[in-house]
Amino acid sequence: RVVGGITTNLLFSVFETWLVTEHRRRDFAEEQLETILRDSVIVSNLAAIASGYIAHVLAAKFGPVGPFEGAVTCTAIALVLVAAAWTENYGSESPGTK
C-alpha cells in the first residue's frame, strides 16, 4: 500500500511539474497554463473511460488476458513515441532561470 501511494502521488505530480517547467522555459503565456491543466484533466478522464471500454472489448474477445495484452501493446507504442519525440527536461541549475 505504501508503494502504491507513492507511485500514485508521482503519477499525478510528475507530469504537472514537467508541464509547468516546460511551459515557462518556452515562454508561453501564464494564462494558458490553467487551460492546459484543465484540458489535461478532461482528456485524462475521457481516456480512462475509453480504456475501460477497450479493456471490456479485449476481455470479451481474448479472455481474461486480453486487457493485459492490450496494455503491453499500448506501452510498447508509447515507448517508441517517447523515445522518438521526447526531449529531456533537466530543469534549471539555479532558481529563477529558464
N, C-alpha and C. Protein backbone atom coordinates (compact mmCIF):
# COMPACT_ATOMS: atom_id res chain seq x y z
N ARG A 1 0.81 -1.20 0.00
CA ARG A 1 0.00 0.00 0.00
C ARG A 1 0.85 1.26 0.00
N VAL A 2 1.96 1.23 0.71
CA VAL A 2 2.83 2.40 0.77
C VAL A 2 3.40 2.69 -0.62
N VAL A 3 3.91 1.66 -1.28
CA VAL A 3 4.48 1.85 -2.62
C VAL A 3 3.39 2.32 -3.58
N GLY A 4 2.19 1.76 -3.46
CA GLY A 4 1.08 2.19 -4.30
C GLY A 4 0.75 3.66 -4.08
N GLY A 5 0.79 4.11 -2.84
CA GLY A 5 0.54 5.52 -2.55
C GLY A 5 1.61 6.43 -3.12
N ILE A 6 2.85 6.00 -3.01
CA ILE A 6 3.96 6.80 -3.56
C ILE A 6 3.86 6.88 -5.07
N THR A 7 3.61 5.75 -5.71
CA THR A 7 3.55 5.77 -7.18
C THR A 7 2.35 6.55 -7.69
N THR A 8 1.23 6.49 -6.98
CA THR A 8 0.07 7.28 -7.39
C THR A 8 0.36 8.76 -7.25
N ASN A 9 1.03 9.15 -6.18
CA ASN A 9 1.40 10.54 -5.99
C ASN A 9 2.32 11.01 -7.12
N LEU A 10 3.30 10.19 -7.47
CA LEU A 10 4.20 10.53 -8.57
C LEU A 10 3.46 10.62 -9.90
N LEU A 11 2.53 9.71 -10.11
CA LEU A 11 1.75 9.70 -11.35
C LEU A 11 1.04 11.02 -11.56
N PHE A 12 0.50 11.58 -10.49
CA PHE A 12 -0.28 12.80 -10.63
C PHE A 12 0.55 14.08 -10.48
N SER A 13 1.80 13.99 -10.04
CA SER A 13 2.57 15.21 -9.85
C SER A 13 3.73 15.37 -10.83
N VAL A 14 4.31 14.29 -11.30
CA VAL A 14 5.48 14.40 -12.18
C VAL A 14 5.12 15.07 -13.50
N PHE A 15 4.01 14.67 -14.10
CA PHE A 15 3.63 15.27 -15.38
C PHE A 15 3.35 16.76 -15.21
N GLU A 16 2.63 17.13 -14.17
CA GLU A 16 2.31 18.55 -13.98
C GLU A 16 3.58 19.36 -13.73
N THR A 17 4.51 18.81 -12.98
CA THR A 17 5.78 19.50 -12.73
C THR A 17 6.54 19.70 -14.03
N TRP A 18 6.62 18.66 -14.84
CA TRP A 18 7.28 18.77 -16.14
C TRP A 18 6.58 19.81 -17.01
N LEU A 19 5.26 19.77 -17.04
CA LEU A 19 4.48 20.68 -17.88
C LEU A 19 4.72 22.13 -17.49
N VAL A 20 4.67 22.44 -16.21
CA VAL A 20 4.88 23.82 -15.76
C VAL A 20 6.28 24.29 -16.11
N THR A 21 7.28 23.45 -15.87
CA THR A 21 8.66 23.83 -16.19
C THR A 21 8.84 24.05 -17.68
N GLU A 22 8.33 23.15 -18.49
CA GLU A 22 8.48 23.27 -19.94
C GLU A 22 7.70 24.47 -20.46
N HIS A 23 6.54 24.73 -19.91
CA HIS A 23 5.70 25.87 -20.30
C HIS A 23 6.45 27.18 -20.07
N ARG A 24 7.05 27.29 -18.91
CA ARG A 24 7.80 28.53 -18.59
C ARG A 24 9.11 28.62 -19.37
N ARG A 25 9.75 27.49 -19.61
CA ARG A 25 11.01 27.50 -20.37
C ARG A 25 10.79 28.01 -21.78
N ARG A 26 9.64 27.70 -22.35
CA ARG A 26 9.34 28.13 -23.71
C ARG A 26 8.66 29.49 -23.77
N ASP A 27 8.54 30.14 -22.62
CA ASP A 27 7.97 31.50 -22.52
C ASP A 27 6.56 31.60 -23.05
N PHE A 28 5.73 30.60 -22.78
CA PHE A 28 4.32 30.69 -23.13
C PHE A 28 3.62 31.57 -22.11
N ALA A 29 2.46 32.09 -22.48
CA ALA A 29 1.69 32.94 -21.58
C ALA A 29 1.21 32.14 -20.37
N GLU A 30 1.35 32.72 -19.19
CA GLU A 30 0.96 32.02 -17.96
C GLU A 30 -0.54 31.73 -17.93
N GLU A 31 -1.34 32.56 -18.60
CA GLU A 31 -2.79 32.35 -18.62
C GLU A 31 -3.15 31.04 -19.31
N GLN A 32 -2.33 30.62 -20.26
CA GLN A 32 -2.61 29.38 -20.99
C GLN A 32 -2.41 28.14 -20.12
N LEU A 33 -1.61 28.26 -19.07
CA LEU A 33 -1.30 27.11 -18.23
C LEU A 33 -2.55 26.56 -17.56
N GLU A 34 -3.42 27.43 -17.08
CA GLU A 34 -4.66 26.98 -16.45
C GLU A 34 -5.52 26.19 -17.43
N THR A 35 -5.60 26.68 -18.66
CA THR A 35 -6.39 26.00 -19.68
C THR A 35 -5.79 24.64 -20.01
N ILE A 36 -4.48 24.59 -20.13
CA ILE A 36 -3.81 23.33 -20.44
C ILE A 36 -4.04 22.31 -19.33
N LEU A 37 -3.90 22.72 -18.08
CA LEU A 37 -4.10 21.80 -16.97
C LEU A 37 -5.55 21.34 -16.89
N ARG A 38 -6.50 22.25 -17.13
CA ARG A 38 -7.91 21.87 -17.13
C ARG A 38 -8.20 20.85 -18.22
N ASP A 39 -7.70 21.14 -19.42
CA ASP A 39 -7.93 20.24 -20.54
C ASP A 39 -7.25 18.89 -20.33
N SER A 40 -6.11 18.88 -19.67
CA SER A 40 -5.42 17.60 -19.43
C SER A 40 -6.24 16.72 -18.48
N VAL A 41 -6.94 17.32 -17.54
CA VAL A 41 -7.80 16.54 -16.64
C VAL A 41 -8.98 15.97 -17.42
N ILE A 42 -9.56 16.77 -18.29
CA ILE A 42 -10.70 16.31 -19.09
C ILE A 42 -10.27 15.15 -20.00
N VAL A 43 -9.15 15.31 -20.68
CA VAL A 43 -8.66 14.27 -21.58
C VAL A 43 -8.29 13.01 -20.79
N SER A 44 -7.71 13.19 -19.62
CA SER A 44 -7.36 12.04 -18.78
C SER A 44 -8.61 11.24 -18.39
N ASN A 45 -9.66 11.94 -18.02
CA ASN A 45 -10.90 11.25 -17.66
C ASN A 45 -11.52 10.55 -18.87
N LEU A 46 -11.50 11.19 -20.02
CA LEU A 46 -12.03 10.55 -21.23
C LEU A 46 -11.19 9.33 -21.61
N ALA A 47 -9.87 9.43 -21.43
CA ALA A 47 -9.00 8.30 -21.72
C ALA A 47 -9.28 7.13 -20.77
N ALA A 48 -9.59 7.43 -19.52
CA ALA A 48 -9.93 6.36 -18.57
C ALA A 48 -11.21 5.65 -18.98
N ILE A 49 -12.19 6.41 -19.43
CA ILE A 49 -13.45 5.81 -19.88
C ILE A 49 -13.20 4.94 -21.11
N ALA A 50 -12.45 5.49 -22.08
CA ALA A 50 -12.15 4.73 -23.29
C ALA A 50 -11.34 3.48 -22.98
N SER A 51 -10.40 3.59 -22.05
CA SER A 51 -9.59 2.43 -21.66
C SER A 51 -10.44 1.33 -21.06
N GLY A 52 -11.41 1.72 -20.23
CA GLY A 52 -12.31 0.73 -19.65
C GLY A 52 -13.13 0.02 -20.71
N TYR A 53 -13.61 0.77 -21.67
CA TYR A 53 -14.39 0.17 -22.76
C TYR A 53 -13.52 -0.77 -23.60
N ILE A 54 -12.32 -0.31 -23.95
CA ILE A 54 -11.41 -1.14 -24.75
C ILE A 54 -11.02 -2.41 -23.97
N ALA A 55 -10.78 -2.27 -22.67
CA ALA A 55 -10.46 -3.46 -21.85
C ALA A 55 -11.62 -4.44 -21.85
N HIS A 56 -12.83 -3.93 -21.79
CA HIS A 56 -14.00 -4.81 -21.84
C HIS A 56 -14.08 -5.56 -23.17
N VAL A 57 -13.86 -4.85 -24.25
CA VAL A 57 -13.89 -5.47 -25.58
C VAL A 57 -12.78 -6.52 -25.70
N LEU A 58 -11.57 -6.19 -25.24
CA LEU A 58 -10.46 -7.14 -25.32
C LEU A 58 -10.72 -8.37 -24.45
N ALA A 59 -11.32 -8.16 -23.29
CA ALA A 59 -11.64 -9.30 -22.41
C ALA A 59 -12.70 -10.19 -23.05
N ALA A 60 -13.66 -9.58 -23.72
CA ALA A 60 -14.70 -10.37 -24.38
C ALA A 60 -14.13 -11.17 -25.54
N LYS A 61 -13.16 -10.59 -26.24
CA LYS A 61 -12.62 -11.25 -27.43
C LYS A 61 -11.50 -12.25 -27.10
N PHE A 62 -10.60 -11.89 -26.17
CA PHE A 62 -9.41 -12.71 -25.91
C PHE A 62 -9.40 -13.34 -24.52
N GLY A 63 -10.44 -13.16 -23.75
CA GLY A 63 -10.49 -13.73 -22.42
C GLY A 63 -9.86 -12.81 -21.39
N PRO A 64 -9.60 -13.34 -20.19
CA PRO A 64 -9.11 -12.51 -19.10
C PRO A 64 -7.75 -11.86 -19.34
N VAL A 65 -6.95 -12.43 -20.24
CA VAL A 65 -5.63 -11.84 -20.50
C VAL A 65 -5.69 -10.74 -21.57
N GLY A 66 -6.81 -10.58 -22.24
CA GLY A 66 -6.94 -9.58 -23.30
C GLY A 66 -6.58 -8.17 -22.88
N PRO A 67 -7.10 -7.67 -21.74
CA PRO A 67 -6.74 -6.31 -21.33
C PRO A 67 -5.25 -6.15 -21.04
N PHE A 68 -4.62 -7.20 -20.51
CA PHE A 68 -3.19 -7.12 -20.22
C PHE A 68 -2.37 -7.10 -21.51
N GLU A 69 -2.79 -7.89 -22.48
CA GLU A 69 -2.10 -7.86 -23.78
C GLU A 69 -2.27 -6.49 -24.44
N GLY A 70 -3.44 -5.91 -24.31
CA GLY A 70 -3.68 -4.56 -24.83
C GLY A 70 -2.80 -3.53 -24.13
N ALA A 71 -2.63 -3.69 -22.81
CA ALA A 71 -1.79 -2.76 -22.05
C ALA A 71 -0.33 -2.86 -22.49
N VAL A 72 0.13 -4.07 -22.72
CA VAL A 72 1.52 -4.26 -23.19
C VAL A 72 1.71 -3.62 -24.56
N THR A 73 0.73 -3.79 -25.43
CA THR A 73 0.81 -3.19 -26.76
C THR A 73 0.84 -1.67 -26.68
N CYS A 74 -0.05 -1.09 -25.86
CA CYS A 74 -0.07 0.37 -25.70
C CYS A 74 1.23 0.90 -25.09
N THR A 75 1.78 0.16 -24.14
CA THR A 75 3.04 0.56 -23.53
C THR A 75 4.18 0.53 -24.54
N ALA A 76 4.21 -0.48 -25.40
CA ALA A 76 5.25 -0.56 -26.43
C ALA A 76 5.13 0.60 -27.42
N ILE A 77 3.91 0.93 -27.81
CA ILE A 77 3.70 2.06 -28.72
C ILE A 77 4.14 3.36 -28.05
N ALA A 78 3.79 3.54 -26.78
CA ALA A 78 4.18 4.75 -26.06
C ALA A 78 5.70 4.84 -25.93
N LEU A 79 6.36 3.72 -25.70
CA LEU A 79 7.81 3.70 -25.59
C LEU A 79 8.46 4.19 -26.88
N VAL A 80 7.97 3.71 -28.00
CA VAL A 80 8.52 4.13 -29.29
C VAL A 80 8.28 5.63 -29.52
N LEU A 81 7.07 6.09 -29.23
CA LEU A 81 6.77 7.52 -29.43
C LEU A 81 7.60 8.42 -28.52
N VAL A 82 7.74 8.04 -27.26
CA VAL A 82 8.52 8.85 -26.33
C VAL A 82 10.00 8.84 -26.72
N ALA A 83 10.52 7.68 -27.07
CA ALA A 83 11.94 7.60 -27.45
C ALA A 83 12.23 8.43 -28.70
N ALA A 84 11.26 8.51 -29.60
CA ALA A 84 11.48 9.24 -30.86
C ALA A 84 11.25 10.74 -30.74
N ALA A 85 10.33 11.16 -29.86
CA ALA A 85 9.92 12.57 -29.90
C ALA A 85 10.15 13.36 -28.62
N TRP A 86 10.47 12.72 -27.52
CA TRP A 86 10.53 13.42 -26.24
C TRP A 86 11.92 13.97 -25.99
N THR A 87 11.99 15.23 -25.57
CA THR A 87 13.27 15.81 -25.16
C THR A 87 13.31 15.84 -23.64
N GLU A 88 14.46 15.58 -23.09
CA GLU A 88 14.59 15.53 -21.63
C GLU A 88 14.62 16.94 -21.06
N ASN A 89 13.98 17.11 -19.91
CA ASN A 89 13.94 18.38 -19.22
C ASN A 89 14.67 18.21 -17.90
N TYR A 90 15.88 18.73 -17.81
CA TYR A 90 16.68 18.56 -16.62
C TYR A 90 16.46 19.68 -15.60
N GLY A 91 15.66 20.67 -15.96
CA GLY A 91 15.39 21.78 -15.05
C GLY A 91 16.50 22.81 -15.10
N SER A 92 16.49 23.72 -14.16
CA SER A 92 17.46 24.82 -14.11
C SER A 92 18.56 24.51 -13.11
N GLU A 93 19.71 25.06 -13.38
CA GLU A 93 20.83 24.91 -12.46
C GLU A 93 20.59 25.71 -11.18
N SER A 94 19.96 26.90 -11.33
CA SER A 94 19.69 27.73 -10.17
C SER A 94 18.26 28.24 -10.22
N PRO A 95 17.67 28.57 -9.09
CA PRO A 95 16.29 29.05 -9.07
C PRO A 95 16.14 30.35 -9.86
N GLY A 96 15.02 30.46 -10.55
CA GLY A 96 14.70 31.69 -11.28
C GLY A 96 15.24 31.74 -12.69
N THR A 97 15.97 30.73 -13.13
CA THR A 97 16.46 30.72 -14.51
C THR A 97 15.66 29.76 -15.34
N LYS A 98 15.68 29.99 -16.63
CA LYS A 98 14.91 29.14 -17.54
C LYS A 98 15.81 28.19 -18.28
